[in-house]
Amino acid sequence: MQRDIKKALRHKGTKAQSEDSVVSPENFFMARARPLQCPFCDNYLAGPVEINIGAMDFTGGICICGAIYVLDRTAHNLGEIFMDALTFVCKGNIDKALSMNPEAYESADYDYDIHSNTIGRRSSAGKAGKLVFVRLINDKNTEG
């Protein structure tokens, strides 16, 4: 059993790398699917839902820590959903969102399987959406 685990942790590298080079268990398990959790507070989250507020229309959710998460089903519109998340976290004020310093917020993105509500790997069909998380660090730092 121990031998199988070590064998599974080996990766295929270049010829310059030793054949016995081993990937750390932390990196190996990052590819495993895990339940949807907030990257900032580790709270378990419900799957994204349709959100319609004024002119804003996106699929996502809100964590109890104040983080916003937005889903891109195709993983091809990350810029658009990132701006949706920033605008939503700025209470719909797009001018404020566009003028924010990058130091004023935290962000993270993950592959997302909508069918199993898990993050971290592609779905069984080989496709994955993307979830983008955004959280303000501090309200007084939101001005550009």
N, C-alpha and C. Protein backbone atom coordinates (compact mmCIF):
# COMPACT_ATOMS: atom_id res chain seq x y z
N MET A 1 0.83 -1.20 0.00
CA MET A 1 0.00 0.00 0.00
C MET A 1 0.87 1.26 0.00
N GLN A 2 1.86 1.32 0.91
CA GLN A 2 2.75 2.47 1.00
C GLN A 2 3.47 2.68 -0.33
N ARG A 3 3.87 1.58 -0.95
CA ARG A 3 4.57 1.64 -2.22
C ARG A 3 3.67 2.23 -3.31
N ASP A 4 2.38 1.84 -3.30
CA ASP A 4 1.43 2.37 -4.28
C ASP A 4 1.23 3.87 -4.12
N ILE A 5 1.18 4.33 -2.87
CA ILE A 5 1.01 5.76 -2.61
C ILE A 5 2.21 6.54 -3.15
N LYS A 6 3.42 6.04 -2.84
CA LYS A 6 4.62 6.72 -3.34
C LYS A 6 4.64 6.74 -4.86
N LYS A 7 4.24 5.63 -5.46
CA LYS A 7 4.21 5.55 -6.92
C LYS A 7 3.20 6.55 -7.49
N ALA A 8 2.06 6.69 -6.84
CA ALA A 8 1.04 7.63 -7.30
C ALA A 8 1.50 9.07 -7.18
N LEU A 9 2.36 9.35 -6.20
CA LEU A 9 2.82 10.72 -5.98
C LEU A 9 3.96 11.11 -6.92
N ARG A 10 4.58 10.14 -7.58
CA ARG A 10 5.64 10.47 -8.53
C ARG A 10 5.05 11.16 -9.74
N HIS A 11 5.79 12.09 -10.27
CA HIS A 11 5.31 12.72 -11.50
C HIS A 11 6.34 12.51 -12.60
N LYS A 12 5.89 12.63 -13.80
CA LYS A 12 6.79 12.49 -14.95
C LYS A 12 7.41 13.84 -15.22
N GLY A 13 8.70 13.94 -15.04
CA GLY A 13 9.39 15.21 -15.24
C GLY A 13 10.26 15.17 -16.47
N THR A 14 11.12 16.16 -16.58
CA THR A 14 12.06 16.18 -17.69
C THR A 14 13.18 15.20 -17.40
N LYS A 15 14.01 14.93 -18.38
CA LYS A 15 15.12 14.00 -18.19
C LYS A 15 16.08 14.51 -17.12
N ALA A 16 16.14 15.82 -16.96
CA ALA A 16 17.03 16.40 -15.96
C ALA A 16 16.56 16.09 -14.55
N GLN A 17 15.28 15.82 -14.39
CA GLN A 17 14.75 15.51 -13.08
C GLN A 17 14.92 14.03 -12.79
N SER A 18 15.13 13.72 -11.56
CA SER A 18 15.27 12.34 -11.13
C SER A 18 13.95 11.61 -11.31
N GLU A 19 14.04 10.31 -11.60
CA GLU A 19 12.82 9.52 -11.76
C GLU A 19 12.11 9.35 -10.42
N ASP A 20 12.83 9.55 -9.33
CA ASP A 20 12.24 9.40 -8.01
C ASP A 20 11.71 10.70 -7.44
N SER A 21 11.69 11.79 -8.24
CA SER A 21 11.16 13.04 -7.71
C SER A 21 9.69 12.85 -7.36
N VAL A 22 9.30 13.40 -6.24
CA VAL A 22 7.97 13.15 -5.70
C VAL A 22 7.23 14.47 -5.52
N VAL A 23 5.96 14.48 -5.88
CA VAL A 23 5.09 15.63 -5.67
C VAL A 23 4.62 15.58 -4.22
N SER A 24 4.60 16.70 -3.55
CA SER A 24 4.15 16.71 -2.15
C SER A 24 2.68 16.31 -2.08
N PRO A 25 2.28 15.64 -0.99
CA PRO A 25 0.87 15.25 -0.84
C PRO A 25 -0.08 16.43 -0.92
N GLU A 26 0.34 17.61 -0.44
CA GLU A 26 -0.53 18.78 -0.48
C GLU A 26 -0.88 19.14 -1.92
N ASN A 27 0.14 19.14 -2.81
CA ASN A 27 -0.10 19.47 -4.21
C ASN A 27 -0.86 18.37 -4.93
N PHE A 28 -0.59 17.11 -4.57
CA PHE A 28 -1.29 15.99 -5.20
C PHE A 28 -2.78 16.08 -4.93
N PHE A 29 -3.15 16.39 -3.70
CA PHE A 29 -4.56 16.40 -3.34
C PHE A 29 -5.28 17.68 -3.72
N MET A 30 -4.55 18.71 -4.19
CA MET A 30 -5.21 19.94 -4.64
C MET A 30 -6.09 19.65 -5.86
N ALA A 31 -5.74 18.61 -6.63
CA ALA A 31 -6.52 18.28 -7.82
C ALA A 31 -7.80 17.52 -7.48
N ARG A 32 -7.92 17.04 -6.25
CA ARG A 32 -9.12 16.31 -5.85
C ARG A 32 -10.28 17.26 -5.67
N ALA A 33 -11.45 16.78 -6.03
CA ALA A 33 -12.65 17.59 -5.83
C ALA A 33 -12.93 17.70 -4.35
N ARG A 34 -13.36 18.88 -3.94
CA ARG A 34 -13.73 19.08 -2.53
C ARG A 34 -14.99 19.94 -2.50
N PRO A 35 -15.74 19.86 -1.42
CA PRO A 35 -16.99 20.63 -1.34
C PRO A 35 -16.72 22.13 -1.52
N LEU A 36 -17.71 22.82 -2.06
CA LEU A 36 -17.59 24.26 -2.27
C LEU A 36 -17.46 24.96 -0.92
N GLN A 37 -16.32 25.64 -0.73
CA GLN A 37 -16.04 26.38 0.49
C GLN A 37 -15.49 27.75 0.12
N CYS A 38 -15.74 28.71 0.99
CA CYS A 38 -15.17 30.04 0.82
C CYS A 38 -13.65 29.96 1.04
N PRO A 39 -12.85 30.52 0.14
CA PRO A 39 -11.40 30.47 0.32
C PRO A 39 -10.89 31.39 1.43
N PHE A 40 -11.75 32.28 1.91
CA PHE A 40 -11.32 33.25 2.90
C PHE A 40 -11.68 32.84 4.33
N CYS A 41 -12.80 32.13 4.51
CA CYS A 41 -13.22 31.76 5.87
C CYS A 41 -13.52 30.27 6.01
N ASP A 42 -13.40 29.49 4.94
CA ASP A 42 -13.64 28.04 4.92
C ASP A 42 -15.08 27.64 5.22
N ASN A 43 -16.01 28.57 5.13
CA ASN A 43 -17.42 28.26 5.32
C ASN A 43 -17.92 27.45 4.11
N TYR A 44 -18.69 26.39 4.36
CA TYR A 44 -19.29 25.62 3.27
C TYR A 44 -20.39 26.46 2.63
N LEU A 45 -20.47 26.41 1.30
CA LEU A 45 -21.38 27.28 0.56
C LEU A 45 -22.39 26.49 -0.27
N ALA A 46 -23.55 27.08 -0.45
CA ALA A 46 -24.55 26.52 -1.35
C ALA A 46 -24.11 26.77 -2.79
N GLY A 47 -24.64 26.02 -3.71
CA GLY A 47 -24.33 26.23 -5.12
C GLY A 47 -24.78 27.59 -5.59
N PRO A 48 -24.17 28.11 -6.64
CA PRO A 48 -24.56 29.42 -7.17
C PRO A 48 -26.01 29.45 -7.63
N VAL A 49 -26.64 30.60 -7.46
CA VAL A 49 -28.03 30.81 -7.89
C VAL A 49 -28.09 32.06 -8.76
N GLU A 50 -29.19 32.21 -9.50
CA GLU A 50 -29.38 33.40 -10.33
C GLU A 50 -29.62 34.60 -9.42
N ILE A 51 -28.88 35.68 -9.66
CA ILE A 51 -29.02 36.91 -8.88
C ILE A 51 -29.35 38.03 -9.87
N ASN A 52 -30.47 38.71 -9.64
CA ASN A 52 -30.91 39.82 -10.48
C ASN A 52 -31.16 41.03 -9.58
N ILE A 53 -30.27 42.00 -9.66
CA ILE A 53 -30.41 43.22 -8.87
C ILE A 53 -30.21 44.40 -9.81
N GLY A 54 -31.27 45.14 -10.04
CA GLY A 54 -31.18 46.27 -10.96
C GLY A 54 -30.72 45.82 -12.33
N ALA A 55 -29.65 46.45 -12.83
CA ALA A 55 -29.10 46.10 -14.14
C ALA A 55 -28.16 44.91 -14.06
N MET A 56 -27.87 44.44 -12.85
CA MET A 56 -26.94 43.32 -12.68
C MET A 56 -27.68 42.00 -12.75
N ASP A 57 -27.10 41.07 -13.49
CA ASP A 57 -27.70 39.75 -13.66
C ASP A 57 -26.56 38.74 -13.78
N PHE A 58 -26.39 37.88 -12.77
CA PHE A 58 -25.32 36.89 -12.81
C PHE A 58 -25.70 35.70 -11.95
N THR A 59 -24.89 34.65 -12.02
CA THR A 59 -25.08 33.45 -11.21
C THR A 59 -23.99 33.42 -10.16
N GLY A 60 -24.38 33.35 -8.90
CA GLY A 60 -23.38 33.36 -7.84
C GLY A 60 -24.00 33.24 -6.47
N GLY A 61 -23.30 33.79 -5.49
CA GLY A 61 -23.78 33.73 -4.12
C GLY A 61 -22.96 34.63 -3.22
N ILE A 62 -23.33 34.62 -1.93
CA ILE A 62 -22.69 35.47 -0.93
C ILE A 62 -22.34 34.61 0.27
N CYS A 63 -21.13 34.76 0.77
CA CYS A 63 -20.70 34.05 1.98
C CYS A 63 -20.98 34.93 3.20
N ILE A 64 -21.04 34.31 4.37
CA ILE A 64 -21.29 35.08 5.60
C ILE A 64 -20.14 36.03 5.94
N CYS A 65 -18.94 35.79 5.37
CA CYS A 65 -17.80 36.68 5.64
C CYS A 65 -17.81 37.91 4.74
N GLY A 66 -18.78 37.99 3.82
CA GLY A 66 -18.88 39.14 2.92
C GLY A 66 -18.31 38.88 1.53
N ALA A 67 -17.74 37.72 1.32
CA ALA A 67 -17.21 37.38 -0.01
C ALA A 67 -18.37 37.14 -0.98
N ILE A 68 -18.13 37.51 -2.22
CA ILE A 68 -19.08 37.28 -3.30
C ILE A 68 -18.47 36.23 -4.21
N TYR A 69 -19.26 35.28 -4.66
CA TYR A 69 -18.76 34.35 -5.66
C TYR A 69 -19.68 34.35 -6.87
N VAL A 70 -19.05 34.29 -8.05
CA VAL A 70 -19.77 34.38 -9.32
C VAL A 70 -19.31 33.23 -10.21
N LEU A 71 -20.26 32.62 -10.90
CA LEU A 71 -19.99 31.46 -11.76
C LEU A 71 -19.89 31.85 -13.22
N ASP A 72 -18.87 31.34 -13.88
CA ASP A 72 -18.74 31.40 -15.33
C ASP A 72 -18.85 29.96 -15.81
N ARG A 73 -19.99 29.59 -16.36
CA ARG A 73 -20.24 28.20 -16.76
C ARG A 73 -19.27 27.71 -17.84
N THR A 74 -18.81 28.62 -18.70
CA THR A 74 -17.94 28.22 -19.81
C THR A 74 -16.46 28.38 -19.50
N ALA A 75 -16.12 29.11 -18.46
CA ALA A 75 -14.73 29.44 -18.11
C ALA A 75 -14.05 30.27 -19.20
N HIS A 76 -14.84 30.97 -20.01
CA HIS A 76 -14.29 31.82 -21.07
C HIS A 76 -14.54 33.30 -20.84
N ASN A 77 -15.26 33.66 -19.79
CA ASN A 77 -15.61 35.06 -19.54
C ASN A 77 -15.15 35.50 -18.15
N LEU A 78 -13.94 35.13 -17.77
CA LEU A 78 -13.48 35.43 -16.41
C LEU A 78 -13.41 36.92 -16.13
N GLY A 79 -13.01 37.72 -17.10
CA GLY A 79 -12.95 39.17 -16.90
C GLY A 79 -14.32 39.75 -16.60
N GLU A 80 -15.31 39.30 -17.34
CA GLU A 80 -16.68 39.79 -17.13
C GLU A 80 -17.22 39.40 -15.76
N ILE A 81 -17.02 38.15 -15.37
CA ILE A 81 -17.57 37.75 -14.07
C ILE A 81 -16.78 38.36 -12.92
N PHE A 82 -15.48 38.61 -13.14
CA PHE A 82 -14.69 39.29 -12.11
C PHE A 82 -15.24 40.69 -11.89
N MET A 83 -15.56 41.40 -12.99
CA MET A 83 -16.14 42.74 -12.85
C MET A 83 -17.53 42.69 -12.23
N ASP A 84 -18.31 41.66 -12.57
CA ASP A 84 -19.62 41.49 -11.93
C ASP A 84 -19.46 41.34 -10.42
N ALA A 85 -18.50 40.51 -10.01
CA ALA A 85 -18.26 40.29 -8.58
C ALA A 85 -17.80 41.58 -7.90
N LEU A 86 -16.85 42.29 -8.52
CA LEU A 86 -16.37 43.55 -7.94
C LEU A 86 -17.49 44.58 -7.84
N THR A 87 -18.30 44.68 -8.88
CA THR A 87 -19.41 45.64 -8.87
C THR A 87 -20.42 45.28 -7.79
N PHE A 88 -20.72 44.00 -7.66
CA PHE A 88 -21.68 43.57 -6.65
C PHE A 88 -21.15 43.83 -5.24
N VAL A 89 -19.86 43.56 -5.01
CA VAL A 89 -19.28 43.79 -3.69
C VAL A 89 -19.23 45.29 -3.38
N CYS A 90 -19.24 46.13 -4.43
CA CYS A 90 -19.29 47.59 -4.26
C CYS A 90 -20.72 48.10 -4.31
N LYS A 91 -21.68 47.24 -4.04
CA LYS A 91 -23.11 47.59 -3.96
C LYS A 91 -23.64 48.19 -5.25
N GLY A 92 -23.17 47.67 -6.39
CA GLY A 92 -23.68 48.10 -7.68
C GLY A 92 -23.01 49.33 -8.26
N ASN A 93 -22.04 49.91 -7.57
CA ASN A 93 -21.36 51.11 -8.04
C ASN A 93 -20.19 50.71 -8.95
N ILE A 94 -20.44 50.72 -10.26
CA ILE A 94 -19.41 50.27 -11.20
C ILE A 94 -18.21 51.22 -11.24
N ASP A 95 -18.45 52.52 -11.05
CA ASP A 95 -17.34 53.48 -11.02
C ASP A 95 -16.40 53.18 -9.86
N LYS A 96 -16.96 52.87 -8.72
CA LYS A 96 -16.15 52.51 -7.55
C LYS A 96 -15.39 51.22 -7.81
N ALA A 97 -16.06 50.24 -8.44
CA ALA A 97 -15.42 48.96 -8.74
C ALA A 97 -14.24 49.15 -9.70
N LEU A 98 -14.42 50.00 -10.71
CA LEU A 98 -13.36 50.22 -11.69
C LEU A 98 -12.18 50.99 -11.13
N SER A 99 -12.41 51.80 -10.09
CA SER A 99 -11.34 52.62 -9.54
C SER A 99 -10.67 52.00 -8.31
N MET A 100 -11.06 50.80 -7.95
CA MET A 100 -10.49 50.16 -6.76
C MET A 100 -9.03 49.76 -6.97
N ASN A 101 -8.24 49.94 -5.93
CA ASN A 101 -6.87 49.44 -5.93
C ASN A 101 -6.90 47.93 -5.71
N PRO A 102 -6.03 47.17 -6.35
CA PRO A 102 -6.00 45.72 -6.13
C PRO A 102 -5.72 45.33 -4.68
N GLU A 103 -5.10 46.24 -3.92
CA GLU A 103 -4.83 45.96 -2.51
C GLU A 103 -6.09 46.06 -1.65
N ALA A 104 -7.18 46.57 -2.22
CA ALA A 104 -8.42 46.79 -1.46
C ALA A 104 -9.30 45.55 -1.39
N TYR A 105 -8.96 44.51 -2.14
CA TYR A 105 -9.79 43.31 -2.14
C TYR A 105 -8.92 42.06 -2.30
N GLU A 106 -9.51 40.94 -1.92
CA GLU A 106 -8.89 39.64 -2.13
C GLU A 106 -9.70 38.93 -3.20
N SER A 107 -9.04 38.10 -3.99
CA SER A 107 -9.78 37.33 -5.00
C SER A 107 -9.16 35.95 -5.15
N ALA A 108 -9.97 35.03 -5.62
CA ALA A 108 -9.52 33.66 -5.89
C ALA A 108 -10.45 33.08 -6.94
N ASP A 109 -9.93 32.14 -7.72
CA ASP A 109 -10.81 31.46 -8.68
C ASP A 109 -10.50 29.97 -8.68
N TYR A 110 -11.54 29.18 -8.96
CA TYR A 110 -11.45 27.72 -8.91
C TYR A 110 -12.24 27.11 -10.05
N ASP A 111 -11.80 25.93 -10.50
CA ASP A 111 -12.63 25.11 -11.37
C ASP A 111 -13.83 24.67 -10.55
N TYR A 112 -14.99 24.60 -11.18
CA TYR A 112 -16.22 24.27 -10.44
C TYR A 112 -17.06 23.28 -11.23
N ASP A 113 -17.49 22.22 -10.56
CA ASP A 113 -18.39 21.23 -11.15
C ASP A 113 -19.79 21.51 -10.63
N ILE A 114 -20.65 22.02 -11.51
CA ILE A 114 -22.00 22.43 -11.11
C ILE A 114 -22.85 21.24 -10.69
N HIS A 115 -22.57 20.05 -11.23
CA HIS A 115 -23.39 18.88 -10.93
C HIS A 115 -23.15 18.33 -9.53
N SER A 116 -21.92 18.45 -9.04
CA SER A 116 -21.62 17.91 -7.71
C SER A 116 -21.35 19.00 -6.67
N ASN A 117 -21.41 20.28 -7.08
CA ASN A 117 -21.14 21.42 -6.20
C ASN A 117 -19.77 21.28 -5.54
N THR A 118 -18.76 20.92 -6.36
CA THR A 118 -17.40 20.75 -5.85
C THR A 118 -16.45 21.64 -6.64
N ILE A 119 -15.32 21.95 -6.01
CA ILE A 119 -14.28 22.73 -6.66
C ILE A 119 -12.99 21.91 -6.69
N GLY A 120 -12.11 22.28 -7.58
CA GLY A 120 -10.78 21.70 -7.58
C GLY A 120 -10.42 20.82 -8.75
N ARG A 121 -11.38 20.37 -9.54
CA ARG A 121 -11.04 19.56 -10.72
C ARG A 121 -12.15 19.66 -11.75
N ARG A 122 -11.85 19.17 -12.91
CA ARG A 122 -12.84 19.17 -13.98
C ARG A 122 -13.93 18.15 -13.67
N SER A 123 -15.10 18.36 -14.21
CA SER A 123 -16.22 17.44 -13.98
C SER A 123 -15.97 16.13 -14.70
N SER A 124 -16.82 15.16 -14.44
CA SER A 124 -16.67 13.85 -15.07
C SER A 124 -16.80 13.95 -16.59
N ALA A 125 -17.49 14.95 -17.08
CA ALA A 125 -17.62 15.14 -18.53
C ALA A 125 -16.40 15.85 -19.12
N GLY A 126 -15.44 16.22 -18.28
CA GLY A 126 -14.24 16.89 -18.76
C GLY A 126 -14.38 18.39 -18.85
N LYS A 127 -15.52 18.93 -18.49
CA LYS A 127 -15.75 20.37 -18.54
C LYS A 127 -15.88 20.90 -17.12
N ALA A 128 -15.48 22.12 -16.96
CA ALA A 128 -15.64 22.76 -15.66
C ALA A 128 -15.91 24.23 -15.88
N GLY A 129 -16.77 24.77 -15.05
CA GLY A 129 -16.96 26.20 -15.03
C GLY A 129 -15.90 26.79 -14.11
N LYS A 130 -15.95 28.08 -13.94
CA LYS A 130 -15.04 28.76 -13.02
C LYS A 130 -15.86 29.55 -12.03
N LEU A 131 -15.42 29.52 -10.78
CA LEU A 131 -15.98 30.38 -9.74
C LEU A 131 -14.93 31.42 -9.39
N VAL A 132 -15.34 32.67 -9.36
CA VAL A 132 -14.46 33.75 -8.93
C VAL A 132 -15.01 34.28 -7.62
N PHE A 133 -14.13 34.36 -6.62
CA PHE A 133 -14.47 34.89 -5.30
C PHE A 133 -13.81 36.25 -5.14
N VAL A 134 -14.54 37.22 -4.59
CA VAL A 134 -14.01 38.55 -4.30
C VAL A 134 -14.51 38.97 -2.93
N ARG A 135 -13.59 39.51 -2.12
CA ARG A 135 -13.97 40.03 -0.80
C ARG A 135 -13.17 41.30 -0.53
N LEU A 136 -13.88 42.32 -0.07
CA LEU A 136 -13.20 43.56 0.31
C LEU A 136 -12.36 43.30 1.55
N ILE A 137 -11.17 43.87 1.57
CA ILE A 137 -10.30 43.71 2.73
C ILE A 137 -10.74 44.66 3.83
N ASN A 138 -11.11 45.89 3.42
CA ASN A 138 -11.40 46.91 4.41
C ASN A 138 -12.16 48.03 3.70
N ASP A 139 -13.29 48.45 4.21
CA ASP A 139 -14.13 49.44 3.53
C ASP A 139 -13.41 50.76 3.25
N LYS A 140 -12.49 51.19 4.12
CA LYS A 140 -11.84 52.48 3.87
C LYS A 140 -10.79 52.40 2.76
N ASN A 141 -10.45 51.17 2.30
CA ASN A 141 -9.50 51.02 1.20
C ASN A 141 -10.17 50.83 -0.14
N THR A 142 -11.48 51.00 -0.24
CA THR A 142 -12.16 50.72 -1.50
C THR A 142 -12.10 51.88 -2.48
N GLU A 143 -11.70 53.04 -2.06
CA GLU A 143 -11.59 54.16 -2.99
C GLU A 143 -10.25 54.09 -3.71
N GLY A 144 -10.23 54.39 -5.01
CA GLY A 144 -9.03 54.28 -5.83
C GLY A 144 -8.06 55.30 -5.61
